[in-house]
Amino acid sequence: MEKEKAGSEEETGLSKLPAKKLTWILIGLVSLLVVLIGVLGWLLYDRKQEAIKLEEVTSEKFEIIRDLEDLSLEYDALRTDNDSMNAQLEARQEEIDKLIEELHQTRVNNAATINQYRRELGTLRDVLKSYIVQVDSLNQANIRLRQENIEARQQMMVVETQLKQEREVKEDLSARVELGSRLVVENLEALPINRRGREISRIGRVEQIQVCFTLKRNAIATPGMRQVYIRVKRPDQLVLASSAENIMMVDDEPLVFTSSREINYENVDVDACIYYNDDGSLIPGTYEVEVYTDGYQIGLTQFSLR
């Protein structure tokens, strides 16, 4: 009963207020409520905008990181054989790695910081362009050097081929001259003879083997004394020798000779004979007789004994 009474008294108090004053009070309360709602709305909007900006800044941060990683790969692709250029490229890659590490470790929350990193990214891109130009110049220079080396090697091969051909021609000419200057024999005849100098074919009556020949005229041969050798080979290929010291050199090989004599050759025909005295070594069959001088064979003939 008392509460009902108090409530009725309040209603009676409000109802006692003038209607106009009550209206202004209500208007004031509504206005205050509107202002509060506006302030809250503005705060919510501002928070939302800040969140959007932070999201954009974070997105740009990771975009810059990706661009820096791609840029590092581009620097790596410019590696050359030039140590100085490679050192510069490595230094720039270290700068990029440092920026990437900073971006990962730093909380970027404003556009100013993002713009600073973008400027550094742009600077590194400009430097990359200058390096591309330098590397291209180096590559072009290397290409020219390689081409010059190829041309030089080709020229050297041509020169070497020419020199080889000239040597071959010279050697061929020398060989021709050597062959042309060699002495030759004609009228070569090997005869077993008796003590009276008559030809005989019976072993028991043979006193000497007589080898006679003509050294032919050769205008380009060197004149002078010549040692002329004969080699008499029995049917069993044993070489007859008047001395154990009878050794001559032919093509740098030692050969046993039968007998020899010195002949004065003056670029004219020279007739000569060389003899071997039988020491009882003769056997029946066909004998070969070879004639040598100046280290080469100049004649070959045969005779037979029975």
Foldseek 3Di string as FASTA:
>chain_A
DVVVVVVVVVVVVVVVDDPVVVVVVVVVVVVVVVVVVVVVVVVVVVVVVLVVQLVVQLVLLVVLLVLLVVLLVLLVVLDDPDPVLVVVSVVLSVVSVVLNVCSVPDRDRDPVVSVVSVVVSVVSVVVSVVSVVVSVVVVVVVVVVVVVVVVVVVVVVVVVVVVVVVVVVVVVVVVVLVVLQDWAKPPWDKFFAAPVRDGDFAPVRGFKIKTKIKTAARPSHDFFKKKKFKWKAAPVRDTAAPDPPQWDAAPNDIDHTHWIDIDGGDRHIDIDMTMHGDPPPHDFDKMKMWMDIPRDTRDIDIDGHD
